């Protein structure tokens, strides 16, 4: 994802829609997950413990009660906040959402771990 600092989290994570988070620091990742839980789903960017942008998706963690104009504005703010912490994709939340879709190749994040979809095998991970 190219992050240089902070964290991104979302509850829009195809197909299981678990919370998925990526980040540089454990503290920012924890804060991002806590914010997703508080909003009952959504998107969030956290940097140095501070929520920089968010969009609440309280309907099944997938839908907003806001107007389309408000949602579009908040998505633009989320993408800008993502750029500020150096997220590489132009739309980091779309990328993050599809990193969890295990029916399309190549590597995917699942509740079983990192999966090589093309070879049907779990990739072992080690922290260094």
N, C-alpha and C. Protein backbone atom coordinates (compact mmCIF):
# COMPACT_ATOMS: atom_id res chain seq x y z
N UNK A 1 0.82 -1.20 0.00
CA UNK A 1 0.00 0.00 0.00
C UNK A 1 0.86 1.26 0.00
N UNK A 2 2.15 1.13 0.27
CA UNK A 2 3.05 2.27 0.20
C UNK A 2 3.01 3.22 1.38
N UNK A 3 2.29 2.88 2.44
CA UNK A 3 2.15 3.79 3.58
C UNK A 3 3.50 4.16 4.18
N UNK A 4 3.66 5.41 4.52
CA UNK A 4 4.86 5.88 5.21
C UNK A 4 4.57 6.14 6.69
N UNK A 5 3.29 6.31 7.00
CA UNK A 5 2.86 6.50 8.39
C UNK A 5 1.36 6.24 8.45
N UNK A 6 0.81 6.14 9.67
CA UNK A 6 -0.62 6.02 9.86
C UNK A 6 -1.20 4.67 9.53
N UNK A 7 -2.53 4.66 9.36
CA UNK A 7 -3.26 3.42 9.09
C UNK A 7 -4.56 3.71 8.34
N UNK A 8 -5.00 2.71 7.59
CA UNK A 8 -6.28 2.72 6.90
C UNK A 8 -7.07 1.52 7.38
N UNK A 9 -8.37 1.67 7.56
CA UNK A 9 -9.21 0.54 7.92
C UNK A 9 -10.57 0.67 7.26
N UNK A 10 -11.19 -0.48 7.02
CA UNK A 10 -12.52 -0.52 6.42
C UNK A 10 -13.26 -1.77 6.83
N UNK A 11 -14.59 -1.67 6.81
CA UNK A 11 -15.44 -2.84 7.00
C UNK A 11 -15.96 -3.35 5.66
N UNK A 12 -15.63 -2.65 4.58
CA UNK A 12 -16.00 -3.10 3.24
C UNK A 12 -14.85 -3.96 2.74
N UNK A 13 -14.99 -5.26 2.92
CA UNK A 13 -13.91 -6.20 2.62
C UNK A 13 -14.51 -7.46 2.02
N UNK A 14 -14.63 -7.46 0.72
CA UNK A 14 -15.30 -8.56 -0.01
C UNK A 14 -14.59 -9.89 0.26
N UNK A 15 -15.20 -10.95 0.46
CA UNK A 15 -16.60 -11.29 0.55
C UNK A 15 -17.08 -11.38 2.00
N UNK A 16 -16.20 -11.43 2.93
CA UNK A 16 -16.59 -11.68 4.33
C UNK A 16 -16.99 -10.40 5.07
N UNK A 17 -16.52 -9.27 4.64
CA UNK A 17 -16.79 -7.97 5.26
C UNK A 17 -16.39 -7.93 6.73
N UNK A 18 -15.25 -8.56 7.03
CA UNK A 18 -14.60 -8.36 8.32
C UNK A 18 -13.88 -7.03 8.26
N UNK A 19 -13.46 -6.52 9.39
CA UNK A 19 -12.64 -5.31 9.39
C UNK A 19 -11.26 -5.67 8.88
N UNK A 20 -10.76 -4.88 7.95
CA UNK A 20 -9.40 -5.06 7.46
C UNK A 20 -8.66 -3.75 7.69
N UNK A 21 -7.41 -3.88 8.14
CA UNK A 21 -6.61 -2.69 8.46
C UNK A 21 -5.19 -2.90 7.98
N UNK A 22 -4.59 -1.84 7.47
CA UNK A 22 -3.17 -1.82 7.13
C UNK A 22 -2.59 -0.57 7.76
N UNK A 23 -1.32 -0.66 8.13
CA UNK A 23 -0.72 0.52 8.73
C UNK A 23 0.74 0.33 9.03
N UNK A 24 1.32 1.40 9.50
CA UNK A 24 2.74 1.44 9.82
C UNK A 24 2.96 1.18 11.31
N UNK A 25 2.04 1.63 12.15
CA UNK A 25 2.22 1.43 13.59
C UNK A 25 1.04 0.67 14.18
N UNK A 26 1.33 -0.17 15.17
CA UNK A 26 0.29 -0.92 15.86
C UNK A 26 -0.73 0.03 16.50
N UNK A 27 -0.25 1.14 17.05
CA UNK A 27 -1.13 2.09 17.73
C UNK A 27 -2.13 2.70 16.76
N UNK A 28 -1.67 3.12 15.60
CA UNK A 28 -2.59 3.70 14.61
C UNK A 28 -3.55 2.65 14.06
N UNK A 29 -3.07 1.43 13.88
CA UNK A 29 -3.96 0.37 13.40
C UNK A 29 -5.04 0.07 14.44
N UNK A 30 -4.65 0.02 15.71
CA UNK A 30 -5.63 -0.21 16.78
C UNK A 30 -6.65 0.92 16.82
N UNK A 31 -6.18 2.14 16.72
CA UNK A 31 -7.08 3.31 16.74
C UNK A 31 -8.05 3.27 15.56
N UNK A 32 -7.57 2.86 14.39
CA UNK A 32 -8.42 2.77 13.20
C UNK A 32 -9.51 1.71 13.38
N UNK A 33 -9.15 0.56 13.92
CA UNK A 33 -10.14 -0.50 14.16
C UNK A 33 -11.16 -0.04 15.20
N UNK A 34 -10.70 0.61 16.25
CA UNK A 34 -11.62 1.12 17.26
C UNK A 34 -12.62 2.11 16.65
N UNK A 35 -12.16 2.93 15.74
CA UNK A 35 -13.04 3.91 15.10
C UNK A 35 -14.06 3.22 14.20
N UNK A 36 -13.64 2.19 13.47
CA UNK A 36 -14.57 1.41 12.65
C UNK A 36 -15.65 0.80 13.53
N UNK A 37 -15.24 0.24 14.66
CA UNK A 37 -16.22 -0.35 15.59
C UNK A 37 -17.17 0.71 16.13
N UNK A 38 -16.65 1.86 16.50
CA UNK A 38 -17.45 2.95 17.03
C UNK A 38 -18.49 3.43 16.01
N UNK A 39 -18.10 3.48 14.74
CA UNK A 39 -19.00 3.94 13.67
C UNK A 39 -19.95 2.82 13.22
N UNK A 40 -19.74 1.61 13.71
CA UNK A 40 -20.50 0.43 13.29
C UNK A 40 -20.26 0.12 11.82
N UNK A 41 -19.02 0.34 11.40
CA UNK A 41 -18.61 0.08 10.02
C UNK A 41 -18.25 1.36 9.30
N UNK A 42 -17.43 1.21 8.26
CA UNK A 42 -17.06 2.37 7.47
C UNK A 42 -15.63 2.34 7.00
N UNK A 43 -15.14 3.55 6.70
CA UNK A 43 -13.77 3.77 6.26
C UNK A 43 -13.13 4.78 7.20
N UNK A 44 -11.81 4.63 7.46
CA UNK A 44 -11.12 5.59 8.31
C UNK A 44 -9.65 5.68 7.96
N UNK A 45 -9.11 6.89 8.09
CA UNK A 45 -7.67 7.14 8.00
C UNK A 45 -7.24 7.71 9.34
N UNK A 46 -6.21 7.11 9.94
CA UNK A 46 -5.67 7.56 11.22
C UNK A 46 -4.19 7.87 11.02
N UNK A 47 -3.74 8.96 11.62
CA UNK A 47 -2.32 9.31 11.60
C UNK A 47 -1.93 9.84 12.97
N UNK A 48 -0.94 9.22 13.57
CA UNK A 48 -0.44 9.59 14.90
C UNK A 48 -1.57 9.65 15.92
N UNK A 49 -2.45 8.62 15.87
CA UNK A 49 -3.54 8.50 16.83
C UNK A 49 -4.76 9.36 16.55
N UNK A 50 -4.70 10.18 15.52
CA UNK A 50 -5.79 11.10 15.21
C UNK A 50 -6.55 10.63 13.96
N UNK A 51 -7.88 10.63 14.05
CA UNK A 51 -8.70 10.32 12.88
C UNK A 51 -8.63 11.51 11.94
N UNK A 52 -8.09 11.28 10.74
CA UNK A 52 -7.93 12.34 9.75
C UNK A 52 -9.14 12.46 8.84
N UNK A 53 -9.79 11.33 8.56
CA UNK A 53 -11.00 11.32 7.74
C UNK A 53 -11.74 10.02 8.00
N UNK A 54 -13.07 10.08 7.87
CA UNK A 54 -13.86 8.87 8.08
C UNK A 54 -15.20 8.98 7.37
N UNK A 55 -15.78 7.83 7.15
CA UNK A 55 -17.14 7.72 6.62
C UNK A 55 -17.80 6.57 7.34
N UNK A 56 -18.86 6.87 8.07
CA UNK A 56 -19.60 5.86 8.79
C UNK A 56 -20.50 5.09 7.83
N UNK A 57 -20.49 3.76 7.95
CA UNK A 57 -21.36 2.89 7.16
C UNK A 57 -22.11 1.97 8.14
N UNK A 58 -23.07 2.53 8.88
CA UNK A 58 -23.70 1.77 9.96
C UNK A 58 -24.70 0.70 9.51
N UNK A 59 -25.09 0.69 8.25
CA UNK A 59 -26.03 -0.31 7.77
C UNK A 59 -25.23 -1.50 7.26
N UNK A 60 -25.14 -2.54 8.11
CA UNK A 60 -24.39 -3.76 7.81
C UNK A 60 -22.91 -3.50 7.57
N UNK A 61 -22.40 -2.36 7.99
CA UNK A 61 -21.00 -2.01 7.76
C UNK A 61 -20.69 -1.72 6.31
N UNK A 62 -21.74 -1.55 5.49
CA UNK A 62 -21.58 -1.40 4.04
C UNK A 62 -22.28 -0.18 3.46
N UNK A 63 -23.29 0.35 4.15
CA UNK A 63 -24.09 1.43 3.59
C UNK A 63 -24.21 2.59 4.56
N UNK A 64 -24.34 3.78 3.98
CA UNK A 64 -24.44 5.02 4.74
C UNK A 64 -25.89 5.51 4.79
N UNK A 65 -26.16 6.28 5.80
CA UNK A 65 -27.45 6.98 5.90
C UNK A 65 -27.36 8.39 5.30
N UNK A 66 -26.16 8.78 4.89
CA UNK A 66 -25.93 10.12 4.34
C UNK A 66 -26.41 10.22 2.89
N UNK A 67 -26.55 11.43 2.41
CA UNK A 67 -26.90 11.65 1.00
C UNK A 67 -25.70 11.28 0.13
N UNK A 68 -25.95 11.07 -1.14
CA UNK A 68 -24.85 10.73 -2.06
C UNK A 68 -23.82 11.85 -2.13
N UNK A 69 -24.27 13.09 -2.00
CA UNK A 69 -23.34 14.22 -2.02
C UNK A 69 -22.39 14.19 -0.82
N UNK A 70 -22.93 13.90 0.35
CA UNK A 70 -22.10 13.82 1.56
C UNK A 70 -21.13 12.65 1.46
N UNK A 71 -21.63 11.50 0.98
CA UNK A 71 -20.76 10.33 0.83
C UNK A 71 -19.62 10.63 -0.15
N UNK A 72 -19.94 11.26 -1.27
CA UNK A 72 -18.90 11.61 -2.26
C UNK A 72 -17.87 12.55 -1.66
N UNK A 73 -18.30 13.53 -0.90
CA UNK A 73 -17.38 14.47 -0.25
C UNK A 73 -16.47 13.75 0.74
N UNK A 74 -17.06 12.88 1.57
CA UNK A 74 -16.27 12.16 2.57
C UNK A 74 -15.30 11.18 1.92
N UNK A 75 -15.70 10.55 0.81
CA UNK A 75 -14.78 9.66 0.10
C UNK A 75 -13.61 10.44 -0.47
N UNK A 76 -13.86 11.63 -0.99
CA UNK A 76 -12.77 12.48 -1.49
C UNK A 76 -11.84 12.86 -0.34
N UNK A 77 -12.39 13.17 0.82
CA UNK A 77 -11.57 13.50 1.99
C UNK A 77 -10.74 12.29 2.44
N UNK A 78 -11.34 11.11 2.40
CA UNK A 78 -10.61 9.89 2.75
C UNK A 78 -9.45 9.64 1.80
N UNK A 79 -9.70 9.78 0.51
CA UNK A 79 -8.63 9.57 -0.47
C UNK A 79 -7.52 10.60 -0.30
N UNK A 80 -7.87 11.85 -0.01
CA UNK A 80 -6.86 12.89 0.23
C UNK A 80 -6.05 12.57 1.49
N UNK A 81 -6.73 12.15 2.55
CA UNK A 81 -6.02 11.78 3.78
C UNK A 81 -5.11 10.59 3.53
N UNK A 82 -5.55 9.66 2.68
CA UNK A 82 -4.70 8.52 2.30
C UNK A 82 -3.46 8.98 1.56
N UNK A 83 -3.61 9.94 0.67
CA UNK A 83 -2.43 10.49 -0.04
C UNK A 83 -1.46 11.15 0.92
N UNK A 84 -2.00 11.81 1.95
CA UNK A 84 -1.14 12.49 2.92
C UNK A 84 -0.27 11.52 3.71
N UNK A 85 -0.74 10.29 3.90
CA UNK A 85 0.10 9.30 4.59
C UNK A 85 0.79 8.39 3.59
N UNK A 86 0.76 8.81 2.34
CA UNK A 86 1.49 8.19 1.22
C UNK A 86 0.94 6.86 0.75
N UNK A 87 -0.39 6.65 0.88
CA UNK A 87 -0.98 5.45 0.31
C UNK A 87 -0.77 5.50 -1.20
N UNK A 88 -0.26 4.42 -1.76
CA UNK A 88 0.11 4.39 -3.18
C UNK A 88 -1.08 4.38 -4.13
N UNK A 89 -2.09 3.54 -3.96
CA UNK A 89 -3.18 3.55 -4.94
C UNK A 89 -3.94 4.87 -4.89
N UNK A 90 -4.47 5.29 -6.03
CA UNK A 90 -5.26 6.52 -6.07
C UNK A 90 -6.49 6.41 -5.18
N UNK A 91 -7.08 5.22 -5.12
CA UNK A 91 -8.22 4.97 -4.25
C UNK A 91 -7.85 3.80 -3.33
N UNK A 92 -7.19 4.11 -2.21
CA UNK A 92 -6.68 3.03 -1.36
C UNK A 92 -7.77 2.14 -0.76
N UNK A 93 -8.97 2.68 -0.55
CA UNK A 93 -10.02 1.87 0.05
C UNK A 93 -10.60 0.86 -0.93
N UNK A 94 -10.66 1.20 -2.19
CA UNK A 94 -11.09 0.24 -3.19
C UNK A 94 -10.08 -0.90 -3.28
N UNK A 95 -8.81 -0.54 -3.28
CA UNK A 95 -7.74 -1.56 -3.30
C UNK A 95 -7.82 -2.45 -2.07
N UNK A 96 -7.96 -1.83 -0.91
CA UNK A 96 -8.01 -2.59 0.35
C UNK A 96 -9.22 -3.53 0.36
N UNK A 97 -10.36 -3.05 -0.12
CA UNK A 97 -11.57 -3.87 -0.15
C UNK A 97 -11.40 -5.12 -1.02
N UNK A 98 -10.69 -4.98 -2.13
CA UNK A 98 -10.53 -6.12 -3.03
C UNK A 98 -9.32 -7.00 -2.68
N UNK A 99 -8.46 -6.55 -1.79
CA UNK A 99 -7.37 -7.43 -1.30
C UNK A 99 -7.91 -8.60 -0.52
N UNK A 100 -9.15 -8.51 -0.11
CA UNK A 100 -9.75 -9.56 0.71
C UNK A 100 -10.69 -10.46 -0.08
N UNK A 101 -10.79 -10.26 -1.38
CA UNK A 101 -11.70 -11.07 -2.21
C UNK A 101 -10.95 -12.29 -2.73
N UNK A 102 -11.13 -13.44 -2.08
CA UNK A 102 -10.29 -14.60 -2.38
C UNK A 102 -10.67 -15.38 -3.64
N UNK A 103 -11.59 -14.88 -4.43
CA UNK A 103 -11.95 -15.60 -5.65
C UNK A 103 -11.25 -15.05 -6.89
N UNK A 104 -10.45 -14.00 -6.71
CA UNK A 104 -9.69 -13.46 -7.83
C UNK A 104 -8.20 -13.48 -7.48
N UNK A 105 -7.35 -13.83 -8.44
CA UNK A 105 -5.91 -13.95 -8.17
C UNK A 105 -5.29 -12.60 -7.84
N UNK A 106 -4.23 -12.57 -7.21
CA UNK A 106 -3.17 -13.49 -6.88
C UNK A 106 -3.13 -13.71 -5.37
N UNK A 107 -2.54 -12.78 -4.64
CA UNK A 107 -2.47 -12.90 -3.18
C UNK A 107 -3.63 -12.15 -2.54
N UNK A 108 -4.28 -12.80 -1.57
CA UNK A 108 -5.42 -12.20 -0.90
C UNK A 108 -5.31 -12.38 0.61
N UNK A 109 -5.88 -11.43 1.34
CA UNK A 109 -5.92 -11.47 2.79
C UNK A 109 -7.27 -12.09 3.18
N UNK A 110 -7.22 -13.17 3.96
CA UNK A 110 -8.45 -13.84 4.39
C UNK A 110 -8.40 -14.08 5.89
N UNK A 111 -9.50 -14.60 6.44
CA UNK A 111 -9.49 -14.96 7.86
C UNK A 111 -8.61 -16.17 8.14
N UNK A 112 -8.13 -16.83 7.10
CA UNK A 112 -7.19 -17.95 7.23
C UNK A 112 -5.74 -17.50 7.09
N UNK A 113 -5.54 -16.22 6.76
CA UNK A 113 -4.20 -15.68 6.54
C UNK A 113 -4.03 -15.21 5.11
N UNK A 114 -2.78 -15.07 4.69
CA UNK A 114 -2.46 -14.67 3.32
C UNK A 114 -2.57 -15.90 2.42
N UNK A 115 -3.35 -15.79 1.34
CA UNK A 115 -3.62 -16.93 0.48
C UNK A 115 -3.15 -16.65 -0.94
N UNK A 116 -2.42 -17.62 -1.50
CA UNK A 116 -2.08 -17.60 -2.92
C UNK A 116 -3.25 -18.25 -3.63
N UNK A 117 -4.12 -17.44 -4.20
CA UNK A 117 -5.35 -17.93 -4.81
C UNK A 117 -5.06 -18.80 -6.02
N UNK A 118 -4.05 -18.46 -6.79
CA UNK A 118 -3.73 -19.23 -8.00
C UNK A 118 -3.27 -20.65 -7.67
N UNK A 119 -2.58 -20.80 -6.53
CA UNK A 119 -2.05 -22.12 -6.15
C UNK A 119 -2.86 -22.79 -5.05
N UNK A 120 -3.90 -22.12 -4.56
CA UNK A 120 -4.76 -22.67 -3.51
C UNK A 120 -3.96 -23.05 -2.27
N UNK A 121 -3.13 -22.12 -1.79
CA UNK A 121 -2.36 -22.44 -0.57
C UNK A 121 -2.17 -21.19 0.29
N UNK A 122 -2.07 -21.45 1.58
CA UNK A 122 -1.84 -20.37 2.55
C UNK A 122 -0.34 -20.07 2.57
N UNK A 123 -0.01 -18.80 2.56
CA UNK A 123 1.38 -18.37 2.60
C UNK A 123 1.76 -18.08 4.05
N UNK A 124 2.75 -18.78 4.58
CA UNK A 124 3.15 -18.53 5.97
C UNK A 124 3.77 -17.13 6.12
N UNK A 125 3.44 -16.48 7.22
CA UNK A 125 3.98 -15.16 7.51
C UNK A 125 4.80 -15.20 8.79
N UNK A 126 5.87 -14.47 8.80
CA UNK A 126 6.71 -14.36 9.98
C UNK A 126 7.01 -12.90 10.23
N UNK A 127 6.89 -12.47 11.46
CA UNK A 127 7.25 -11.11 11.83
C UNK A 127 8.75 -11.05 12.05
N UNK A 128 9.38 -10.00 11.56
CA UNK A 128 10.83 -9.87 11.77
C UNK A 128 11.15 -8.68 12.64
